[in-house]
Amino acid sequence: QKAVKAWGMERDLQQKLKSDGKYYVLPGMWESPGAGYSYMI
């Protein structure tokens, strides 16, 4: 709960909601997004 509130994860967690308005997995939560894939030159 601290992470959700401190990092503003509410909209992120919407991605896990099902039609009943609930979610069924505890996702790993990062304070900030990662860099991801790009082009190594």
Full PDB file with SEQRES, HELIX, SHEET, SSBOND, CRYST1, ORIGX, SCALE, CONECT and MASTER records, all heavy atoms in Angstrom:
SEQRES   1 A   41  GLN LYS ALA VAL LYS ALA TRP GLY MET GLU ARG ASP LEU          
SEQRES   2 A   41  GLN GLN LYS LEU LYS SER ASP GLY LYS TYR TYR VAL LEU          
SEQRES   3 A   41  PRO GLY MET TRP GLU SER PRO GLY ALA GLY TYR SER TYR          
SEQRES   4 A   41  MET ILE                                                      
HELIX    1 AA1 LYS A    2  TRP A    7  1                                   6    
HELIX    2 AA2 GLU A   10  GLN A   14  1                                   5    
CRYST1    1.000    1.000    1.000  90.00  90.00  90.00 P 1           1          
ORIGX1      1.000000  0.000000  0.000000        0.00000                         
ORIGX2      0.000000  1.000000  0.000000        0.00000                         
ORIGX3      0.000000  0.000000  1.000000        0.00000                         
SCALE1      1.000000  0.000000  0.000000        0.00000                         
SCALE2      0.000000  1.000000  0.000000        0.00000                         
SCALE3      0.000000  0.000000  1.000000        0.00000                         
ATOM      1  N   GLN A   1       0.820  -1.207   0.000  1.00  0.00           N  
ATOM      2  CA  GLN A   1       0.000   0.000   0.000  1.00  0.00           C  
ATOM      3  C   GLN A   1       0.856   1.261   0.000  1.00  0.00           C  
ATOM      4  O   GLN A   1       0.519   2.260  -0.654  1.00  0.00           O  
ATOM      5  CB  GLN A   1      -0.923   0.009   1.221  1.00  0.00           C  
ATOM      6  CG  GLN A   1      -1.973  -1.082   1.207  1.00  0.00           C  
ATOM      7  CD  GLN A   1      -3.123  -0.756   0.275  1.00  0.00           C  
ATOM      8  OE1 GLN A   1      -3.024   0.125  -0.575  1.00  0.00           O  
ATOM      9  NE2 GLN A   1      -4.223  -1.463   0.409  1.00  0.00           N  
ATOM     10  N   LYS A   2       1.967   1.225   0.710  1.00  0.00           N  
ATOM     11  CA  LYS A   2       2.864   2.378   0.732  1.00  0.00           C  
ATOM     12  C   LYS A   2       3.389   2.676  -0.674  1.00  0.00           C  
ATOM     13  O   LYS A   2       3.427   3.836  -1.103  1.00  0.00           O  
ATOM     14  CB  LYS A   2       4.029   2.116   1.680  1.00  0.00           C  
ATOM     15  CG  LYS A   2       5.043   3.249   1.714  1.00  0.00           C  
ATOM     16  CD  LYS A   2       6.263   2.882   2.538  1.00  0.00           C  
ATOM     17  CE  LYS A   2       7.308   4.001   2.500  1.00  0.00           C  
ATOM     18  NZ  LYS A   2       8.541   3.628   3.225  1.00  0.00           N  
ATOM     19  N   ALA A   3       3.806   1.620  -1.391  1.00  0.00           N  
ATOM     20  CA  ALA A   3       4.332   1.811  -2.748  1.00  0.00           C  
ATOM     21  C   ALA A   3       3.260   2.382  -3.669  1.00  0.00           C  
ATOM     22  O   ALA A   3       3.531   3.287  -4.468  1.00  0.00           O  
ATOM     23  CB  ALA A   3       4.863   0.489  -3.291  1.00  0.00           C  
ATOM     24  N   VAL A   4       2.035   1.863  -3.578  1.00  0.00           N  
ATOM     25  CA  VAL A   4       0.950   2.350  -4.428  1.00  0.00           C  
ATOM     26  C   VAL A   4       0.728   3.842  -4.215  1.00  0.00           C  
ATOM     27  O   VAL A   4       0.616   4.628  -5.170  1.00  0.00           O  
ATOM     28  CB  VAL A   4      -0.352   1.567  -4.156  1.00  0.00           C  
ATOM     29  CG1 VAL A   4      -1.537   2.221  -4.872  1.00  0.00           C  
ATOM     30  CG2 VAL A   4      -0.212   0.123  -4.605  1.00  0.00           C  
ATOM     31  N   LYS A   5       0.701   4.239  -2.955  1.00  0.00           N  
ATOM     32  CA  LYS A   5       0.416   5.641  -2.638  1.00  0.00           C  
ATOM     33  C   LYS A   5       1.606   6.539  -2.968  1.00  0.00           C  
ATOM     34  O   LYS A   5       1.449   7.580  -3.627  1.00  0.00           O  
ATOM     35  CB  LYS A   5       0.056   5.768  -1.161  1.00  0.00           C  
ATOM     36  CG  LYS A   5      -0.327   7.187  -0.765  1.00  0.00           C  
ATOM     37  CD  LYS A   5      -0.723   7.270   0.700  1.00  0.00           C  
ATOM     38  CE  LYS A   5      -1.142   8.698   1.071  1.00  0.00           C  
ATOM     39  NZ  LYS A   5      -1.498   8.820   2.503  1.00  0.00           N  
ATOM     40  N   ALA A   6       2.806   6.143  -2.524  1.00  0.00           N  
ATOM     41  CA  ALA A   6       3.980   6.997  -2.686  1.00  0.00           C  
ATOM     42  C   ALA A   6       4.383   7.152  -4.151  1.00  0.00           C  
ATOM     43  O   ALA A   6       4.862   8.212  -4.562  1.00  0.00           O  
ATOM     44  CB  ALA A   6       5.147   6.434  -1.870  1.00  0.00           C  
ATOM     45  N   TRP A   7       4.191   6.102  -4.949  1.00  0.00           N  
ATOM     46  CA  TRP A   7       4.628   6.131  -6.345  1.00  0.00           C  
ATOM     47  C   TRP A   7       3.507   6.440  -7.322  1.00  0.00           C  
ATOM     48  O   TRP A   7       3.722   6.460  -8.534  1.00  0.00           O  
ATOM     49  CB  TRP A   7       5.277   4.793  -6.722  1.00  0.00           C  
ATOM     50  CG  TRP A   7       6.483   4.461  -5.890  1.00  0.00           C  
ATOM     51  CD1 TRP A   7       7.218   5.310  -5.116  1.00  0.00           C  
ATOM     52  CD2 TRP A   7       7.075   3.174  -5.740  1.00  0.00           C  
ATOM     53  NE1 TRP A   7       8.240   4.631  -4.497  1.00  0.00           N  
ATOM     54  CE2 TRP A   7       8.181   3.317  -4.863  1.00  0.00           C  
ATOM     55  CE3 TRP A   7       6.792   1.908  -6.263  1.00  0.00           C  
ATOM     56  CZ2 TRP A   7       8.992   2.249  -4.494  1.00  0.00           C  
ATOM     57  CZ3 TRP A   7       7.596   0.834  -5.905  1.00  0.00           C  
ATOM     58  CH2 TRP A   7       8.686   1.011  -5.021  1.00  0.00           C  
ATOM     59  N   GLY A   8       2.294   6.657  -6.808  1.00  0.00           N  
ATOM     60  CA  GLY A   8       1.171   6.988  -7.687  1.00  0.00           C  
ATOM     61  C   GLY A   8       0.869   5.884  -8.680  1.00  0.00           C  
ATOM     62  O   GLY A   8       0.753   6.131  -9.884  1.00  0.00           O  
ATOM     63  N   MET A   9       0.694   4.656  -8.174  1.00  0.00           N  
ATOM     64  CA  MET A   9       0.549   3.488  -9.041  1.00  0.00           C  
ATOM     65  C   MET A   9      -0.895   3.221  -9.462  1.00  0.00           C  
ATOM     66  O   MET A   9      -1.168   2.208 -10.114  1.00  0.00           O  
ATOM     67  CB  MET A   9       1.085   2.235  -8.333  1.00  0.00           C  
ATOM     68  CG  MET A   9       2.539   2.279  -7.935  1.00  0.00           C  
ATOM     69  SD  MET A   9       3.690   2.376  -9.329  1.00  0.00           S  
ATOM     70  CE  MET A   9       3.311   0.876 -10.219  1.00  0.00           C  
ATOM     71  N   GLU A  10      -1.828   4.110  -9.106  1.00  0.00           N  
ATOM     72  CA  GLU A  10      -3.245   3.792  -9.312  1.00  0.00           C  
ATOM     73  C   GLU A  10      -3.578   3.486 -10.765  1.00  0.00           C  
ATOM     74  O   GLU A  10      -4.262   2.496 -11.068  1.00  0.00           O  
ATOM     75  CB  GLU A  10      -4.129   4.947  -8.803  1.00  0.00           C  
ATOM     76  CG  GLU A  10      -4.085   5.146  -7.299  1.00  0.00           C  
ATOM     77  CD  GLU A  10      -2.955   6.052  -6.843  1.00  0.00           C  
ATOM     78  OE1 GLU A  10      -2.164   6.526  -7.696  1.00  0.00           O  
ATOM     79  OE2 GLU A  10      -2.857   6.309  -5.631  1.00  0.00           O  
ATOM     80  N   ARG A  11      -3.116   4.335 -11.686  1.00  0.00           N  
ATOM     81  CA  ARG A  11      -3.458   4.100 -13.089  1.00  0.00           C  
ATOM     82  C   ARG A  11      -2.717   2.876 -13.627  1.00  0.00           C  
ATOM     83  O   ARG A  11      -3.243   2.147 -14.459  1.00  0.00           O  
ATOM     84  CB  ARG A  11      -3.154   5.331 -13.940  1.00  0.00           C  
ATOM     85  CG  ARG A  11      -3.642   5.169 -15.374  1.00  0.00           C  
ATOM     86  CD  ARG A  11      -3.807   6.477 -16.099  1.00  0.00           C  
ATOM     87  NE  ARG A  11      -4.399   6.254 -17.415  1.00  0.00           N  
ATOM     88  CZ  ARG A  11      -4.724   7.222 -18.251  1.00  0.00           C  
ATOM     89  NH1 ARG A  11      -4.556   8.483 -17.903  1.00  0.00           N  
ATOM     90  NH2 ARG A  11      -5.245   6.951 -19.426  1.00  0.00           N  
ATOM     91  N   ASP A  12      -1.514   2.657 -13.153  1.00  0.00           N  
ATOM     92  CA  ASP A  12      -0.782   1.454 -13.568  1.00  0.00           C  
ATOM     93  C   ASP A  12      -1.570   0.203 -13.189  1.00  0.00           C  
ATOM     94  O   ASP A  12      -1.686  -0.738 -13.987  1.00  0.00           O  
ATOM     95  CB  ASP A  12       0.593   1.412 -12.905  1.00  0.00           C  
ATOM     96  CG  ASP A  12       1.462   2.596 -13.277  1.00  0.00           C  
ATOM     97  OD1 ASP A  12       1.202   3.702 -12.775  1.00  0.00           O  
ATOM     98  OD2 ASP A  12       2.390   2.426 -14.075  1.00  0.00           O  
ATOM     99  N   LEU A  13      -2.116   0.182 -11.971  1.00  0.00           N  
ATOM    100  CA  LEU A  13      -2.837  -0.996 -11.496  1.00  0.00           C  
ATOM    101  C   LEU A  13      -4.147  -1.211 -12.237  1.00  0.00           C  
ATOM    102  O   LEU A  13      -4.686  -2.326 -12.237  1.00  0.00           O  
ATOM    103  CB  LEU A  13      -3.098  -0.880  -9.991  1.00  0.00           C  
ATOM    104  CG  LEU A  13      -1.868  -1.070  -9.102  1.00  0.00           C  
ATOM    105  CD1 LEU A  13      -2.209  -0.758  -7.653  1.00  0.00           C  
ATOM    106  CD2 LEU A  13      -1.318  -2.489  -9.227  1.00  0.00           C  
ATOM    107  N   GLN A  14      -4.674  -0.170 -12.852  1.00  0.00           N  
ATOM    108  CA  GLN A  14      -5.874  -0.360 -13.664  1.00  0.00           C  
ATOM    109  C   GLN A  14      -5.663  -1.420 -14.742  1.00  0.00           C  
ATOM    110  O   GLN A  14      -6.607  -2.099 -15.153  1.00  0.00           O  
ATOM    111  CB  GLN A  14      -6.276   0.957 -14.336  1.00  0.00           C  
ATOM    112  CG  GLN A  14      -6.839   1.996 -13.408  1.00  0.00           C  
ATOM    113  CD  GLN A  14      -7.197   3.267 -14.150  1.00  0.00           C  
ATOM    114  OE1 GLN A  14      -6.925   3.402 -15.341  1.00  0.00           O  
ATOM    115  NE2 GLN A  14      -7.799   4.212 -13.457  1.00  0.00           N  
ATOM    116  N   GLN A  15      -4.424  -1.556 -15.207  1.00  0.00           N  
ATOM    117  CA  GLN A  15      -4.144  -2.519 -16.264  1.00  0.00           C  
ATOM    118  C   GLN A  15      -4.448  -3.953 -15.828  1.00  0.00           C  
ATOM    119  O   GLN A  15      -4.624  -4.836 -16.669  1.00  0.00           O  
ATOM    120  CB  GLN A  15      -2.668  -2.426 -16.682  1.00  0.00           C  
ATOM    121  CG  GLN A  15      -2.243  -1.050 -17.162  1.00  0.00           C  
ATOM    122  CD  GLN A  15      -3.062  -0.591 -18.358  1.00  0.00           C  
ATOM    123  OE1 GLN A  15      -3.139  -1.290 -19.365  1.00  0.00           O  
ATOM    124  NE2 GLN A  15      -3.691   0.561 -18.244  1.00  0.00           N  
ATOM    125  N   LYS A  16      -4.521  -4.187 -14.541  1.00  0.00           N  
ATOM    126  CA  LYS A  16      -4.750  -5.546 -14.033  1.00  0.00           C  
ATOM    127  C   LYS A  16      -6.213  -5.806 -13.690  1.00  0.00           C  
ATOM    128  O   LYS A  16      -6.570  -6.933 -13.354  1.00  0.00           O  
ATOM    129  CB  LYS A  16      -3.893  -5.797 -12.793  1.00  0.00           C  
ATOM    130  CG  LYS A  16      -2.406  -5.462 -12.948  1.00  0.00           C  
ATOM    131  CD  LYS A  16      -1.779  -6.098 -14.166  1.00  0.00           C  
ATOM    132  CE  LYS A  16      -1.724  -7.610 -14.122  1.00  0.00           C  
ATOM    133  NZ  LYS A  16      -1.062  -8.173 -15.330  1.00  0.00           N  
ATOM    134  N   LEU A  17      -7.067  -4.790 -13.751  1.00  0.00           N  
ATOM    135  CA  LEU A  17      -8.465  -4.970 -13.363  1.00  0.00           C  
ATOM    136  C   LEU A  17      -9.221  -5.845 -14.354  1.00  0.00           C  
ATOM    137  O   LEU A  17      -9.051  -5.738 -15.562  1.00  0.00           O  
ATOM    138  CB  LEU A  17      -9.172  -3.614 -13.276  1.00  0.00           C  
ATOM    139  CG  LEU A  17      -8.737  -2.668 -12.148  1.00  0.00           C  
ATOM    140  CD1 LEU A  17      -9.496  -1.351 -12.271  1.00  0.00           C  
ATOM    141  CD2 LEU A  17      -8.970  -3.287 -10.782  1.00  0.00           C  
ATOM    142  N   LYS A  18     -10.079  -6.694 -13.808  1.00  0.00           N  
ATOM    143  CA  LYS A  18     -10.971  -7.521 -14.613  1.00  0.00           C  
ATOM    144  C   LYS A  18     -12.380  -6.938 -14.582  1.00  0.00           C  
ATOM    145  O   LYS A  18     -12.634  -5.924 -13.943  1.00  0.00           O  
ATOM    146  CB  LYS A  18     -10.955  -8.972 -14.105  1.00  0.00           C  
ATOM    147  CG  LYS A  18      -9.551  -9.587 -14.074  1.00  0.00           C  
ATOM    148  CD  LYS A  18      -8.864  -9.507 -15.419  1.00  0.00           C  
ATOM    149  CE  LYS A  18      -7.453 -10.037 -15.378  1.00  0.00           C  
ATOM    150  NZ  LYS A  18      -6.725  -9.814 -16.643  1.00  0.00           N  
ATOM    151  N   SER A  19     -13.310  -7.598 -15.252  1.00  0.00           N  
ATOM    152  CA  SER A  19     -14.656  -7.036 -15.413  1.00  0.00           C  
ATOM    153  C   SER A  19     -15.383  -6.857 -14.090  1.00  0.00           C  
ATOM    154  O   SER A  19     -16.315  -6.054 -13.994  1.00  0.00           O  
ATOM    155  CB  SER A  19     -15.489  -7.937 -16.334  1.00  0.00           C  
ATOM    156  OG  SER A  19     -15.596  -9.246 -15.800  1.00  0.00           O  
ATOM    157  N   ASP A  20     -14.961  -7.575 -13.051  1.00  0.00           N  
ATOM    158  CA  ASP A  20     -15.592  -7.429 -11.742  1.00  0.00           C  
ATOM    159  C   ASP A  20     -14.981  -6.296 -10.929  1.00  0.00           C  
ATOM    160  O   ASP A  20     -15.335  -6.101  -9.761  1.00  0.00           O  
ATOM    161  CB  ASP A  20     -15.527  -8.735 -10.954  1.00  0.00           C  
ATOM    162  CG  ASP A  20     -14.101  -9.240 -10.760  1.00  0.00           C  
ATOM    163  OD1 ASP A  20     -13.152  -8.538 -11.160  1.00  0.00           O  
ATOM    164  OD2 ASP A  20     -13.933 -10.354 -10.214  1.00  0.00           O  
ATOM    165  N   GLY A  21     -14.041  -5.540 -11.540  1.00  0.00           N  
ATOM    166  CA  GLY A  21     -13.423  -4.438 -10.828  1.00  0.00           C  
ATOM    167  C   GLY A  21     -12.349  -4.866  -9.855  1.00  0.00           C  
ATOM    168  O   GLY A  21     -11.902  -4.062  -9.039  1.00  0.00           O  
ATOM    169  N   LYS A  22     -11.907  -6.129  -9.954  1.00  0.00           N  
ATOM    170  CA  LYS A  22     -10.882  -6.650  -9.056  1.00  0.00           C  
ATOM    171  C   LYS A  22      -9.662  -7.078  -9.861  1.00  0.00           C  
ATOM    172  O   LYS A  22      -9.733  -7.249 -11.071  1.00  0.00           O  
ATOM    173  CB  LYS A  22     -11.416  -7.856  -8.264  1.00  0.00           C  
ATOM    174  CG  LYS A  22     -12.643  -7.531  -7.427  1.00  0.00           C  
ATOM    175  CD  LYS A  22     -13.149  -8.764  -6.690  1.00  0.00           C  
ATOM    176  CE  LYS A  22     -14.397  -8.423  -5.878  1.00  0.00           C  
ATOM    177  NZ  LYS A  22     -14.861  -9.597  -5.071  1.00  0.00           N  
ATOM    178  N   TYR A  23      -8.538  -7.254  -9.167  1.00  0.00           N  
ATOM    179  CA  TYR A  23      -7.381  -7.846  -9.832  1.00  0.00           C  
ATOM    180  C   TYR A  23      -6.916  -9.072  -9.068  1.00  0.00           C  
ATOM    181  O   TYR A  23      -7.196  -9.233  -7.871  1.00  0.00           O  
ATOM    182  CB  TYR A  23      -6.258  -6.848 -10.082  1.00  0.00           C  
ATOM    183  CG  TYR A  23      -5.686  -6.111  -8.898  1.00  0.00           C  
ATOM    184  CD1 TYR A  23      -4.714  -6.669  -8.078  1.00  0.00           C  
ATOM    185  CD2 TYR A  23      -6.070  -4.794  -8.639  1.00  0.00           C  
ATOM    186  CE1 TYR A  23      -4.156  -5.971  -7.028  1.00  0.00           C  
ATOM    187  CE2 TYR A  23      -5.517  -4.087  -7.590  1.00  0.00           C  
ATOM    188  CZ  TYR A  23      -4.557  -4.670  -6.782  1.00  0.00           C  
ATOM    189  OH  TYR A  23      -4.011  -3.965  -5.744  1.00  0.00           O  
ATOM    190  N   TYR A  24      -6.215  -9.960  -9.792  1.00  0.00           N  
ATOM    191  CA  TYR A  24      -5.949 -11.310  -9.309  1.00  0.00           C  
ATOM    192  C   TYR A  24      -4.462 -11.641  -9.249  1.00  0.00           C  
ATOM    193  O   TYR A  24      -4.100 -12.803  -9.092  1.00  0.00           O  
ATOM    194  CB  TYR A  24      -6.673 -12.324 -10.198  1.00  0.00           C  
ATOM    195  CG  TYR A  24      -8.179 -12.283 -10.035  1.00  0.00           C  
ATOM    196  CD1 TYR A  24      -8.937 -11.247 -10.582  1.00  0.00           C  
ATOM    197  CD2 TYR A  24      -8.854 -13.264  -9.319  1.00  0.00           C  
ATOM    198  CE1 TYR A  24     -10.312 -11.188 -10.419  1.00  0.00           C  
ATOM    199  CE2 TYR A  24     -10.236 -13.222  -9.156  1.00  0.00           C  
ATOM    200  CZ  TYR A  24     -10.958 -12.183  -9.709  1.00  0.00           C  
ATOM    201  OH  TYR A  24     -12.324 -12.126  -9.529  1.00  0.00           O  
ATOM    202  N   VAL A  25      -3.632 -10.628  -9.371  1.00  0.00           N  
ATOM    203  CA  VAL A  25      -2.196 -10.845  -9.277  1.00  0.00           C  
ATOM    204  C   VAL A  25      -1.584  -9.646  -8.562  1.00  0.00           C  
ATOM    205  O   VAL A  25      -2.062  -8.519  -8.702  1.00  0.00           O  
ATOM    206  CB  VAL A  25      -1.557 -11.018 -10.672  1.00  0.00           C  
ATOM    207  CG1 VAL A  25      -1.654  -9.748 -11.485  1.00  0.00           C  
ATOM    208  CG2 VAL A  25      -0.125 -11.500 -10.584  1.00  0.00           C  
ATOM    209  N   LEU A  26      -0.570  -9.912  -7.746  1.00  0.00           N  
ATOM    210  CA  LEU A  26       0.206  -8.853  -7.119  1.00  0.00           C  
ATOM    211  C   LEU A  26       1.377  -8.547  -8.047  1.00  0.00           C  
ATOM    212  O   LEU A  26       2.351  -9.301  -8.077  1.00  0.00           O  
ATOM    213  CB  LEU A  26       0.720  -9.303  -5.749  1.00  0.00           C  
ATOM    214  CG  LEU A  26      -0.336  -9.508  -4.662  1.00  0.00           C  
ATOM    215  CD1 LEU A  26       0.257 -10.297  -3.498  1.00  0.00           C  
ATOM    216  CD2 LEU A  26      -0.890  -8.162  -4.194  1.00  0.00           C  
ATOM    217  N   PRO A  27       1.312  -7.474  -8.805  1.00  0.00           N  
ATOM    218  CA  PRO A  27       2.373  -7.235  -9.788  1.00  0.00           C  
ATOM    219  C   PRO A  27       3.633  -6.684  -9.134  1.00  0.00           C  
ATOM    220  O   PRO A  27       3.573  -6.012  -8.097  1.00  0.00           O  
ATOM    221  CB  PRO A  27       1.745  -6.192 -10.722  1.00  0.00           C  
ATOM    222  CG  PRO A  27       0.802  -5.441  -9.834  1.00  0.00           C  
ATOM    223  CD  PRO A  27       0.265  -6.436  -8.852  1.00  0.00           C  
ATOM    224  N   GLY A  28       4.770  -6.967  -9.756  1.00  0.00           N  
ATOM    225  CA  GLY A  28       5.974  -6.256  -9.376  1.00  0.00           C  
ATOM    226  C   GLY A  28       5.796  -4.800  -9.755  1.00  0.00           C  
ATOM    227  O   GLY A  28       5.345  -4.484 -10.860  1.00  0.00           O  
ATOM    228  N   MET A  29       6.107  -3.888  -8.838  1.00  0.00           N  
ATOM    229  CA  MET A  29       5.896  -2.463  -9.084  1.00  0.00           C  
ATOM    230  C   MET A  29       7.230  -1.726  -8.983  1.00  0.00           C  
ATOM    231  O   MET A  29       7.948  -1.858  -7.992  1.00  0.00           O  
ATOM    232  CB  MET A  29       4.916  -1.873  -8.066  1.00  0.00           C  
ATOM    233  CG  MET A  29       3.520  -2.443  -8.153  1.00  0.00           C  
ATOM    234  SD  MET A  29       2.327  -1.549  -7.104  1.00  0.00           S  
ATOM    235  CE  MET A  29       2.935  -1.923  -5.460  1.00  0.00           C  
ATOM    236  N   TRP A  30       7.537  -0.948 -10.019  1.00  0.00           N  
ATOM    237  CA  TRP A  30       8.740  -0.124 -10.033  1.00  0.00           C  
ATOM    238  C   TRP A  30       8.352   1.338  -9.840  1.00  0.00           C  
ATOM    239  O   TRP A  30       7.366   1.802 -10.407  1.00  0.00           O  
ATOM    240  CB  TRP A  30       9.484  -0.275 -11.350  1.00  0.00           C  
ATOM    241  CG  TRP A  30      10.134  -1.606 -11.550  1.00  0.00           C  
ATOM    242  CD1 TRP A  30       9.702  -2.613 -12.358  1.00  0.00           C  
ATOM    243  CD2 TRP A  30      11.344  -2.072 -10.935  1.00  0.00           C  
ATOM    244  NE1 TRP A  30      10.574  -3.685 -12.292  1.00  0.00           N  
ATOM    245  CE2 TRP A  30      11.592  -3.374 -11.424  1.00  0.00           C  
ATOM    246  CE3 TRP A  30      12.245  -1.504 -10.027  1.00  0.00           C  
ATOM    247  CZ2 TRP A  30      12.693  -4.120 -11.026  1.00  0.00           C  
ATOM    248  CZ3 TRP A  30      13.342  -2.254  -9.626  1.00  0.00           C  
ATOM    249  CH2 TRP A  30      13.561  -3.543 -10.128  1.00  0.00           C  
ATOM    250  N   GLU A  31       9.149   2.058  -9.072  1.00  0.00           N  
ATOM    251  CA  GLU A  31       8.895   3.478  -8.871  1.00  0.00           C  
ATOM    252  C   GLU A  31       8.955   4.247 -10.187  1.00  0.00           C  
ATOM    253  O   GLU A  31       8.186   5.184 -10.406  1.00  0.00           O  
ATOM    254  CB  GLU A  31       9.909   4.055  -7.882  1.00  0.00           C  
ATOM    255  CG  GLU A  31       9.692   5.521  -7.566  1.00  0.00           C  
ATOM    256  CD  GLU A  31      10.705   6.070  -6.578  1.00  0.00           C  
ATOM    257  OE1 GLU A  31      11.649   5.345  -6.192  1.00  0.00           O  
ATOM    258  OE2 GLU A  31      10.555   7.248  -6.183  1.00  0.00           O  
ATOM    259  N   SER A  32       9.843   3.841 -11.075  1.00  0.00           N  
ATOM    260  CA  SER A  32       9.972   4.497 -12.378  1.00  0.00           C  
ATOM    261  C   SER A  32      10.180   3.432 -13.449  1.00  0.00           C  
ATOM    262  O   SER A  32      10.691   2.345 -13.152  1.00  0.00           O  
ATOM    263  CB  SER A  32      11.141   5.474 -12.381  1.00  0.00           C  
ATOM    264  OG  SER A  32      12.350   4.823 -12.040  1.00  0.00           O  
ATOM    265  N   PRO A  33       9.765   3.716 -14.698  1.00  0.00           N  
ATOM    266  CA  PRO A  33       9.933   2.711 -15.755  1.00  0.00           C  
ATOM    267  C   PRO A  33      11.393   2.512 -16.111  1.00  0.00           C  
ATOM    268  O   PRO A  33      12.239   3.384 -15.859  1.00  0.00           O  
ATOM    269  CB  PRO A  33       9.146   3.304 -16.935  1.00  0.00           C  
ATOM    270  CG  PRO A  33       9.120   4.773 -16.671  1.00  0.00           C  
ATOM    271  CD  PRO A  33       9.095   4.931 -15.185  1.00  0.00           C  
ATOM    272  N   GLY A  34      11.691   1.386 -16.702  1.00  0.00           N  
ATOM    273  CA  GLY A  34      13.058   1.083 -17.104  1.00  0.00           C  
ATOM    274  C   GLY A  34      13.377   1.635 -18.487  1.00  0.00           C  
ATOM    275  O   GLY A  34      12.550   2.277 -19.137  1.00  0.00           O  
ATOM    276  N   ALA A  35      14.596   1.349 -18.918  1.00  0.00           N  
ATOM    277  CA  ALA A  35      15.042   1.874 -20.207  1.00  0.00           C  
ATOM    278  C   ALA A  35      14.578   1.007 -21.369  1.00  0.00           C  
ATOM    279  O   ALA A  35      14.312   1.498 -22.458  1.00  0.00           O  
ATOM    280  CB  ALA A  35      16.562   1.991 -20.208  1.00  0.00           C  
ATOM    281  N   GLY A  36      14.511  -0.296 -21.161  1.00  0.00           N  
ATOM    282  CA  GLY A  36      14.017  -1.191 -22.191  1.00  0.00           C  
ATOM    283  C   GLY A  36      15.002  -1.418 -23.328  1.00  0.00           C  
ATOM    284  O   GLY A  36      16.200  -1.157 -23.233  1.00  0.00           O  
ATOM    285  N   TYR A  37      14.463  -1.924 -24.430  1.00  0.00           N  
ATOM    286  CA  TYR A  37      15.264  -2.291 -25.601  1.00  0.00           C  
ATOM    287  C   TYR A  37      15.478  -1.092 -26.523  1.00  0.00           C  
ATOM    288  O   TYR A  37      14.635  -0.216 -26.642  1.00  0.00           O  
ATOM    289  CB  TYR A  37      14.591  -3.412 -26.385  1.00  0.00           C  
ATOM    290  CG  TYR A  37      14.756  -4.761 -25.745  1.00  0.00           C  
ATOM    291  CD1 TYR A  37      13.976  -5.132 -24.655  1.00  0.00           C  
ATOM    292  CD2 TYR A  37      15.705  -5.668 -26.215  1.00  0.00           C  
ATOM    293  CE1 TYR A  37      14.128  -6.369 -24.051  1.00  0.00           C  
ATOM    294  CE2 TYR A  37      15.865  -6.909 -25.622  1.00  0.00           C  
ATOM    295  CZ  TYR A  37      15.074  -7.248 -24.534  1.00  0.00           C  
ATOM    296  OH  TYR A  37      15.240  -8.478 -23.937  1.00  0.00           O  
ATOM    297  N   SER A  38      16.631  -1.087 -27.154  1.00  0.00           N  
ATOM    298  CA  SER A  38      16.934  -0.080 -28.160  1.00  0.00           C  
ATOM    299  C   SER A  38      17.928  -0.690 -29.144  1.00  0.00           C  
ATOM    300  O   SER A  38      17.974  -1.917 -29.312  1.00  0.00           O  
ATOM    301  CB  SER A  38      17.509   1.184 -27.510  1.00  0.00           C  
ATOM    302  OG  SER A  38      17.683   2.203 -28.478  1.00  0.00           O  
ATOM    303  N   TYR A  39      18.729   0.158 -29.763  1.00  0.00           N  
ATOM    304  CA  TYR A  39      19.719  -0.293 -30.740  1.00  0.00           C  
ATOM    305  C   TYR A  39      21.119  -0.154 -30.147  1.00  0.00           C  
ATOM    306  O   TYR A  39      21.526   0.935 -29.728  1.00  0.00           O  
ATOM    307  CB  TYR A  39      19.615   0.535 -32.026  1.00  0.00           C  
ATOM    308  CG  TYR A  39      18.245   0.490 -32.658  1.00  0.00           C  
ATOM    309  CD1 TYR A  39      17.353   1.549 -32.487  1.00  0.00           C  
ATOM    310  CD2 TYR A  39      17.830  -0.604 -33.399  1.00  0.00           C  
ATOM    311  CE1 TYR A  39      16.096   1.519 -33.054  1.00  0.00           C  
ATOM    312  CE2 TYR A  39      16.575  -0.647 -33.975  1.00  0.00           C  
ATOM    313  CZ  TYR A  39      15.711   0.418 -33.796  1.00  0.00           C  
ATOM    314  OH  TYR A  39      14.454   0.383 -34.356  1.00  0.00           O  
ATOM    315  N   MET A  40      21.826  -1.259 -30.095  1.00  0.00           N  
ATOM    316  CA  MET A  40      23.228  -1.269 -29.688  1.00  0.00           C  
ATOM    317  C   MET A  40      24.067  -1.033 -30.940  1.00  0.00           C  
ATOM    318  O   MET A  40      23.945  -1.761 -31.920  1.00  0.00           O  
ATOM    319  CB  MET A  40      23.566  -2.623 -29.059  1.00  0.00           C  
ATOM    320  CG  MET A  40      25.031  -2.825 -28.729  1.00  0.00           C  
ATOM    321  SD  MET A  40      25.313  -4.397 -27.853  1.00  0.00           S  
ATOM    322  CE  MET A  40      24.833  -5.605 -29.110  1.00  0.00           C  
ATOM    323  N   ILE A  41      24.890   0.009 -30.917  1.00  0.00           N  
ATOM    324  CA  ILE A  41      25.639   0.375 -32.116  1.00  0.00           C  
ATOM    325  C   ILE A  41      27.148   0.275 -31.878  1.00  0.00           C  
ATOM    326  O   ILE A  41      27.614   0.303 -30.745  1.00  0.00           O  
ATOM    327  CB  ILE A  41      25.295   1.801 -32.598  1.00  0.00           C  
ATOM    328  CG1 ILE A  41      25.871   2.855 -31.629  1.00  0.00           C  
ATOM    329  CG2 ILE A  41      23.801   1.982 -32.773  1.00  0.00           C  
ATOM    330  CD1 ILE A  41      25.838   4.270 -32.165  1.00  0.00           C  
TER     331      ILE A  41                                                      
MASTER        0    0    0    2    0    0    0    6  330    1    0    4          
END                                                                             
